Amino acid sequence: MIRVARERQRCIAELSQLHDRELSDLGIRRSDIQRIASTPVNALVLPCSC
């Protein structure tokens, strides 16, 4: 449980360091960071820019 919390905090920290343009290139908004960090990887569905 502690490991999961640390990974979540690390994810938030790393994504928070990106500029809005970089986040946009990944298809996410700054307001999405908390949700993304809290969602299990196998449940994430990110937008496709095909």
N, C-alpha and C. Protein backbone atom coordinates (compact mmCIF):
# COMPACT_ATOMS: atom_id res chain seq x y z
N MET A 1 0.82 -1.19 0.00
CA MET A 1 0.00 0.00 0.00
C MET A 1 0.87 1.26 0.00
N ILE A 2 1.93 1.23 0.78
CA ILE A 2 2.83 2.39 0.83
C ILE A 2 3.52 2.57 -0.52
N ARG A 3 3.89 1.45 -1.15
CA ARG A 3 4.55 1.52 -2.46
C ARG A 3 3.63 2.17 -3.49
N VAL A 4 2.36 1.82 -3.46
CA VAL A 4 1.39 2.39 -4.40
C VAL A 4 1.26 3.89 -4.18
N ALA A 5 1.21 4.31 -2.93
CA ALA A 5 1.10 5.74 -2.62
C ALA A 5 2.34 6.49 -3.09
N ARG A 6 3.51 5.89 -2.92
CA ARG A 6 4.75 6.53 -3.39
C ARG A 6 4.77 6.66 -4.91
N GLU A 7 4.34 5.61 -5.59
CA GLU A 7 4.29 5.64 -7.05
C GLU A 7 3.31 6.70 -7.54
N ARG A 8 2.18 6.82 -6.86
CA ARG A 8 1.18 7.83 -7.22
C ARG A 8 1.78 9.23 -7.05
N GLN A 9 2.45 9.47 -5.94
CA GLN A 9 3.07 10.78 -5.69
C GLN A 9 4.16 11.07 -6.72
N ARG A 10 4.92 10.04 -7.09
CA ARG A 10 5.98 10.22 -8.08
C ARG A 10 5.37 10.57 -9.44
N CYS A 11 4.30 9.90 -9.78
CA CYS A 11 3.60 10.17 -11.04
C CYS A 11 3.09 11.61 -11.07
N ILE A 12 2.46 12.04 -9.98
CA ILE A 12 1.97 13.41 -9.89
C ILE A 12 3.11 14.40 -10.03
N ALA A 13 4.21 14.15 -9.34
CA ALA A 13 5.35 15.06 -9.38
C ALA A 13 5.94 15.16 -10.79
N GLU A 14 6.07 14.02 -11.45
CA GLU A 14 6.65 14.02 -12.80
C GLU A 14 5.75 14.71 -13.80
N LEU A 15 4.47 14.42 -13.76
CA LEU A 15 3.54 15.05 -14.69
C LEU A 15 3.41 16.55 -14.41
N SER A 16 3.48 16.93 -13.15
CA SER A 16 3.35 18.34 -12.77
C SER A 16 4.52 19.17 -13.26
N GLN A 17 5.65 18.55 -13.50
CA GLN A 17 6.83 19.27 -13.98
C GLN A 17 6.75 19.61 -15.47
N LEU A 18 5.85 18.93 -16.18
CA LEU A 18 5.73 19.18 -17.61
C LEU A 18 4.99 20.49 -17.87
N HIS A 19 5.34 21.14 -18.97
CA HIS A 19 4.65 22.35 -19.40
C HIS A 19 3.31 21.96 -20.00
N ASP A 20 2.39 22.92 -20.04
CA ASP A 20 1.06 22.65 -20.60
C ASP A 20 1.14 22.11 -22.03
N ARG A 21 2.08 22.62 -22.80
CA ARG A 21 2.24 22.16 -24.19
C ARG A 21 2.65 20.68 -24.22
N GLU A 22 3.56 20.30 -23.33
CA GLU A 22 4.00 18.91 -23.28
C GLU A 22 2.85 18.00 -22.85
N LEU A 23 2.07 18.44 -21.88
CA LEU A 23 0.91 17.66 -21.45
C LEU A 23 -0.08 17.53 -22.61
N SER A 24 -0.27 18.62 -23.34
CA SER A 24 -1.18 18.60 -24.49
C SER A 24 -0.70 17.62 -25.54
N ASP A 25 0.61 17.56 -25.77
CA ASP A 25 1.17 16.59 -26.72
C ASP A 25 0.86 15.16 -26.30
N LEU A 26 0.73 14.93 -25.01
CA LEU A 26 0.39 13.61 -24.48
C LEU A 26 -1.12 13.37 -24.46
N GLY A 27 -1.88 14.41 -24.78
CA GLY A 27 -3.33 14.27 -24.81
C GLY A 27 -4.00 14.42 -23.46
N ILE A 28 -3.31 15.07 -22.51
CA ILE A 28 -3.91 15.27 -21.20
C ILE A 28 -3.83 16.74 -20.81
N ARG A 29 -4.69 17.12 -19.87
CA ARG A 29 -4.69 18.47 -19.33
C ARG A 29 -4.15 18.43 -17.92
N ARG A 30 -3.69 19.57 -17.46
CA ARG A 30 -3.15 19.64 -16.10
C ARG A 30 -4.19 19.16 -15.08
N SER A 31 -5.44 19.46 -15.32
CA SER A 31 -6.50 19.04 -14.40
C SER A 31 -6.70 17.52 -14.39
N ASP A 32 -6.14 16.81 -15.35
CA ASP A 32 -6.26 15.35 -15.42
C ASP A 32 -5.22 14.62 -14.57
N ILE A 33 -4.20 15.32 -14.11
CA ILE A 33 -3.07 14.67 -13.45
C ILE A 33 -3.50 13.84 -12.25
N GLN A 34 -4.30 14.39 -11.37
CA GLN A 34 -4.74 13.64 -10.17
C GLN A 34 -5.50 12.39 -10.56
N ARG A 35 -6.39 12.49 -11.54
CA ARG A 35 -7.18 11.34 -11.97
C ARG A 35 -6.28 10.27 -12.58
N ILE A 36 -5.36 10.69 -13.42
CA ILE A 36 -4.46 9.74 -14.08
C ILE A 36 -3.60 9.02 -13.05
N ALA A 37 -3.09 9.77 -12.09
CA ALA A 37 -2.23 9.16 -11.06
C ALA A 37 -3.01 8.21 -10.17
N SER A 38 -4.31 8.41 -10.04
CA SER A 38 -5.12 7.58 -9.15
C SER A 38 -5.75 6.39 -9.85
N THR A 39 -5.68 6.34 -11.17
CA THR A 39 -6.33 5.29 -11.94
C THR A 39 -5.33 4.18 -12.24
N PRO A 40 -5.71 2.92 -12.01
CA PRO A 40 -4.83 1.80 -12.36
C PRO A 40 -4.48 1.84 -13.85
N VAL A 41 -3.28 1.49 -14.21
CA VAL A 41 -2.80 1.59 -15.58
C VAL A 41 -3.69 0.83 -16.55
N ASN A 42 -4.17 -0.34 -16.17
CA ASN A 42 -4.98 -1.13 -17.09
C ASN A 42 -6.38 -0.53 -17.29
N ALA A 43 -6.76 0.48 -16.50
CA ALA A 43 -8.07 1.11 -16.64
C ALA A 43 -8.01 2.44 -17.39
N LEU A 44 -6.80 2.93 -17.70
CA LEU A 44 -6.67 4.20 -18.39
C LEU A 44 -7.01 4.08 -19.87
N VAL A 45 -7.75 5.05 -20.35
CA VAL A 45 -8.03 5.14 -21.78
C VAL A 45 -7.69 6.56 -22.18
N LEU A 46 -6.55 6.71 -22.83
CA LEU A 46 -6.11 8.03 -23.25
C LEU A 46 -6.59 8.29 -24.67
N PRO A 47 -6.87 9.55 -24.99
CA PRO A 47 -7.34 9.88 -26.33
C PRO A 47 -6.31 9.54 -27.40
N CYS A 48 -6.78 9.07 -28.52
CA CYS A 48 -5.91 8.74 -29.64
C CYS A 48 -5.84 9.94 -30.58
N SER A 49 -4.65 10.28 -30.99
CA SER A 49 -4.48 11.41 -31.91
C SER A 49 -4.15 10.89 -33.31
N CYS A 50 -4.80 9.80 -33.69
CA CYS A 50 -4.55 9.17 -34.99
C CYS A 50 -5.02 10.05 -36.13
